[in-house]
């Protein structure tokens, strides 16, 4: 029996709908090769999108779950590429663990610097997060901007930045697949990605909510 309370839906009706949805996914998936804790994440991603292709498209670094749970339990900050992720995450669930969210893509100084350097706001936002000391030990959540993910990879490789976990799932046609492929080459920093063009902030939110539920249960 599920003993989670904070990371459950707030009403019994809501809980039943969510649990019934998970049961339908389990019944219709037709098998998978994920470990139980990994499947808890993939199942919630499928639940959020009704897209069974994420059974297979979702990739995990071997230490991703362990690193994510440790980060959450220590109240690590989340640094997101876009506001949508921060808005989508449940504030009560985050507050239970003392986790805060951060995004800088709409900050005036970020926009000005992006124009000055002819780069993207996403790149400058991640640089600002680094300057503020937020990336080390954080959960980096990228659901929209491949350039944000590529910049985090550069910071890891060139400036020894060490996030606790990257949830890298940018969606799109320009550099989205490539940025995730480069993420999967990282050895020292754990990651969760979606292979290819598919992704999005909804998936990142689903994956983090699944990690929060795993953290409460463990």
Protein backbone atom coordinates (compact mmCIF):
# COMPACT_ATOMS: atom_id res chain seq x y z
CA UNK A 1 0.00 0.00 0.00
CA UNK A 2 1.30 3.45 -0.93
CA UNK A 3 2.21 5.36 2.23
CA UNK A 4 3.14 8.62 0.52
CA UNK A 5 1.15 11.63 1.63
CA UNK A 6 2.97 14.81 0.56
CA UNK A 7 3.59 13.63 -3.00
CA UNK A 8 0.08 12.27 -3.53
CA UNK A 9 -2.87 14.12 -5.03
CA UNK A 10 -4.69 16.16 -2.38
CA UNK A 11 -8.07 14.47 -2.67
CA UNK A 12 -9.10 10.82 -2.67
CA UNK A 13 -10.77 11.32 -6.04
CA UNK A 14 -7.57 12.76 -7.47
CA UNK A 15 -5.51 9.95 -6.01
CA UNK A 16 -7.82 7.33 -7.53
CA UNK A 17 -7.63 8.90 -10.98
CA UNK A 18 -3.84 9.06 -10.85
CA UNK A 19 -3.46 5.50 -9.53
CA UNK A 20 -5.94 4.17 -12.11
CA UNK A 21 -3.98 5.98 -14.82
CA UNK A 22 -0.73 4.41 -13.66
CA UNK A 23 -2.43 1.00 -13.69
CA UNK A 24 -3.58 1.55 -17.28
CA UNK A 25 -0.04 2.49 -18.31
CA UNK A 26 1.33 -0.63 -16.61
CA UNK A 27 -1.28 -2.77 -18.36
CA UNK A 28 -0.83 -1.30 -21.82
CA UNK A 29 2.91 -0.77 -21.93
CA UNK A 30 3.65 -4.26 -23.17
CA UNK A 31 6.80 -4.70 -21.10
CA UNK A 32 9.90 -2.65 -20.48
CA UNK A 33 13.54 -3.04 -19.48
CA UNK A 34 13.72 -0.41 -16.74
CA UNK A 35 14.48 -0.99 -13.09
CA UNK A 36 11.57 -0.36 -10.72
CA UNK A 37 12.68 3.13 -9.66
CA UNK A 38 13.43 4.09 -13.26
CA UNK A 39 10.03 2.81 -14.37
CA UNK A 40 8.35 4.98 -11.74
CA UNK A 41 9.79 7.97 -13.59
CA UNK A 42 9.06 6.74 -17.11
CA UNK A 43 5.51 5.74 -16.17
CA UNK A 44 4.79 9.22 -14.83
CA UNK A 45 6.22 10.72 -18.02
CA UNK A 46 3.91 8.52 -20.10
CA UNK A 47 1.03 9.46 -17.81
CA UNK A 48 1.76 13.17 -18.38
CA UNK A 49 1.86 12.87 -22.17
CA UNK A 50 -0.12 9.72 -23.12
CA UNK A 51 2.92 8.87 -25.25
CA UNK A 52 4.16 5.31 -24.83
CA UNK A 53 7.28 6.02 -26.91
CA UNK A 54 8.95 7.29 -23.77
CA UNK A 55 9.20 3.62 -22.88
CA UNK A 56 12.54 3.27 -24.61
CA UNK A 57 13.26 6.91 -25.40
CA UNK A 58 14.04 7.67 -21.75
CA UNK A 59 17.67 7.06 -20.83
CA UNK A 60 19.29 6.96 -17.39
CA UNK A 61 22.85 7.38 -16.17
CA UNK A 62 23.54 4.42 -13.82
CA UNK A 63 23.68 6.75 -10.79
CA UNK A 64 20.82 9.05 -11.79
CA UNK A 65 18.21 7.85 -9.31
CA UNK A 66 20.58 7.65 -6.35
CA UNK A 67 21.97 11.11 -7.13
CA UNK A 68 18.52 12.61 -7.60
CA UNK A 69 17.14 11.23 -4.35
CA UNK A 70 20.19 12.38 -2.41
CA UNK A 71 19.94 15.86 -3.88
CA UNK A 72 16.24 16.15 -3.06
CA UNK A 73 16.67 14.91 0.49
CA UNK A 74 19.42 17.50 1.00
CA UNK A 75 17.20 20.30 -0.32
CA UNK A 76 19.27 20.92 -3.43
CA UNK A 77 18.04 23.79 -5.59
CA UNK A 78 16.50 23.21 -9.00
CA UNK A 79 17.86 25.38 -11.81
CA UNK A 80 15.47 25.39 -14.77
CA UNK A 81 15.89 26.73 -18.26
CA UNK A 82 12.35 28.14 -18.39
CA UNK A 83 9.72 29.39 -15.98
CA UNK A 84 7.26 26.73 -17.14
CA UNK A 85 9.15 24.07 -15.19
CA UNK A 86 9.13 26.13 -11.99
CA UNK A 87 5.41 26.85 -12.33
CA UNK A 88 4.60 23.21 -13.08
CA UNK A 89 6.32 21.79 -10.03
CA UNK A 90 4.22 21.34 -6.90
CA UNK A 91 5.20 23.94 -4.32
CA UNK A 92 4.03 21.86 -1.33
CA UNK A 93 6.02 18.86 -2.52
CA UNK A 94 9.15 20.95 -3.04
CA UNK A 95 8.68 22.72 0.30
CA UNK A 96 8.50 19.37 2.11
CA UNK A 97 12.13 18.81 1.14
CA UNK A 98 13.24 22.43 1.30
CA UNK A 99 13.85 22.50 -2.44
CA UNK A 100 13.74 25.86 -4.24
CA UNK A 101 13.41 26.58 -7.95
CA UNK A 102 15.37 29.10 -9.98
CA UNK A 103 15.13 30.44 -13.52
CA UNK A 104 16.74 33.49 -15.04
CA UNK A 105 15.78 33.44 -18.71
CA UNK A 106 13.56 36.54 -18.48
CA UNK A 107 15.91 38.63 -16.33
CA UNK A 108 16.80 41.97 -17.91
CA UNK A 109 20.54 41.47 -17.47
CA UNK A 110 20.32 38.04 -19.09
CA UNK A 111 18.45 39.44 -22.09
CA UNK A 112 20.90 42.32 -22.43
CA UNK A 113 23.93 40.03 -22.27
CA UNK A 114 22.44 37.66 -24.83
CA UNK A 115 21.93 40.56 -27.23
CA UNK A 116 25.41 41.90 -26.59
CA UNK A 117 27.08 38.54 -27.24
CA UNK A 118 24.66 37.40 -29.96
CA UNK A 119 23.98 34.26 -27.93
CA UNK A 120 20.75 32.95 -26.44
CA UNK A 121 18.98 33.91 -23.23
CA UNK A 122 19.21 30.26 -22.19
CA UNK A 123 23.01 30.32 -22.37
CA UNK A 124 23.25 33.52 -20.36
CA UNK A 125 20.72 32.26 -17.83
CA UNK A 126 22.86 29.21 -17.06
CA UNK A 127 25.95 31.41 -16.82
CA UNK A 128 24.12 33.62 -14.33
CA UNK A 129 23.14 30.55 -12.30
CA UNK A 130 26.80 29.51 -12.25
CA UNK A 131 27.94 32.98 -11.16
CA UNK A 132 25.46 32.81 -8.29
CA UNK A 133 26.85 29.45 -7.22
CA UNK A 134 23.60 27.62 -7.91
CA UNK A 135 24.75 24.92 -10.33
CA UNK A 136 27.09 22.94 -8.08
CA UNK A 137 25.05 20.28 -6.30
CA UNK A 138 21.83 21.33 -8.03
CA UNK A 139 19.28 19.54 -10.15
CA UNK A 140 19.53 21.14 -13.58
CA UNK A 141 16.17 20.91 -15.36
CA UNK A 142 16.09 21.62 -19.09
CA UNK A 143 12.87 21.06 -21.02
CA UNK A 144 12.91 23.71 -23.73
CA UNK A 145 16.31 25.12 -24.68
CA UNK A 146 19.04 22.88 -26.10
CA UNK A 147 21.49 25.77 -25.78
CA UNK A 148 20.96 25.76 -22.01
CA UNK A 149 21.90 22.09 -21.88
CA UNK A 150 24.94 22.61 -24.11
CA UNK A 151 26.09 25.48 -21.92
CA UNK A 152 25.80 23.35 -18.78
CA UNK A 153 27.89 20.67 -20.49
CA UNK A 154 30.51 23.32 -21.35
CA UNK A 155 30.55 24.56 -17.77
CA UNK A 156 31.05 21.00 -16.54
CA UNK A 157 33.87 20.33 -18.96
CA UNK A 158 35.65 23.68 -18.86
CA UNK A 159 34.86 25.16 -15.44
CA UNK A 160 34.45 22.02 -13.33
CA UNK A 161 30.81 22.70 -12.48
CA UNK A 162 29.22 19.66 -10.82
CA UNK A 163 25.44 19.48 -10.73
CA UNK A 164 24.00 16.63 -8.70
CA UNK A 165 21.75 15.61 -11.59
CA UNK A 166 20.78 16.83 -15.04
CA UNK A 167 17.23 16.21 -16.19
CA UNK A 168 17.86 17.09 -19.83
CA UNK A 169 14.81 16.83 -22.06
CA UNK A 170 14.75 19.78 -24.47
CA UNK A 171 12.30 19.41 -27.34
CA UNK A 172 12.74 20.54 -30.91
CA UNK A 173 14.53 20.31 -34.21
CA UNK A 174 17.71 22.40 -33.81
CA UNK A 175 20.29 20.83 -31.48
CA UNK A 176 17.69 19.13 -29.27
CA UNK A 177 18.71 15.57 -30.10
CA UNK A 178 22.38 16.54 -30.27
CA UNK A 179 22.42 18.26 -26.89
CA UNK A 180 20.94 15.17 -25.24
CA UNK A 181 23.39 12.89 -27.00
CA UNK A 182 26.24 15.01 -25.63
CA UNK A 183 24.71 14.87 -22.16
CA UNK A 184 24.74 11.08 -22.33
CA UNK A 185 28.52 11.17 -22.81
CA UNK A 186 28.96 12.70 -19.36
CA UNK A 187 30.34 10.19 -16.90
CA UNK A 188 30.90 12.10 -13.67
CA UNK A 189 27.57 13.95 -13.65
CA UNK A 190 24.41 11.79 -13.61
CA UNK A 191 21.61 12.52 -16.05
CA UNK A 192 18.14 11.54 -17.23
CA UNK A 193 17.39 12.26 -20.89
CA UNK A 194 14.91 11.62 -23.66
CA UNK A 195 16.52 10.35 -26.84
CA UNK A 196 15.94 12.25 -30.05
CA UNK A 197 13.72 15.24 -30.75
CA UNK A 198 10.96 14.51 -28.25
CA UNK A 199 11.00 16.21 -24.86
CA UNK A 200 9.51 19.23 -23.15
CA UNK A 201 8.99 20.94 -19.84
CA UNK A 202 5.98 18.73 -19.06
CA UNK A 203 8.26 15.70 -19.10
CA UNK A 204 10.84 17.36 -16.86
CA UNK A 205 8.13 18.23 -14.35
CA UNK A 206 6.81 14.67 -14.45
CA UNK A 207 10.28 13.22 -13.93
CA UNK A 208 11.00 15.48 -10.96
CA UNK A 209 7.60 14.76 -9.41
CA UNK A 210 8.40 11.07 -9.71
CA UNK A 211 11.75 11.64 -7.99
CA UNK A 212 9.99 13.54 -5.20
CA UNK A 213 7.61 10.61 -4.72
CA UNK A 214 10.51 8.17 -4.63
CA UNK A 215 12.29 10.38 -2.11
CA UNK A 216 9.27 10.46 0.17
CA UNK A 217 8.86 6.69 -0.04
CA UNK A 218 12.51 5.91 0.66
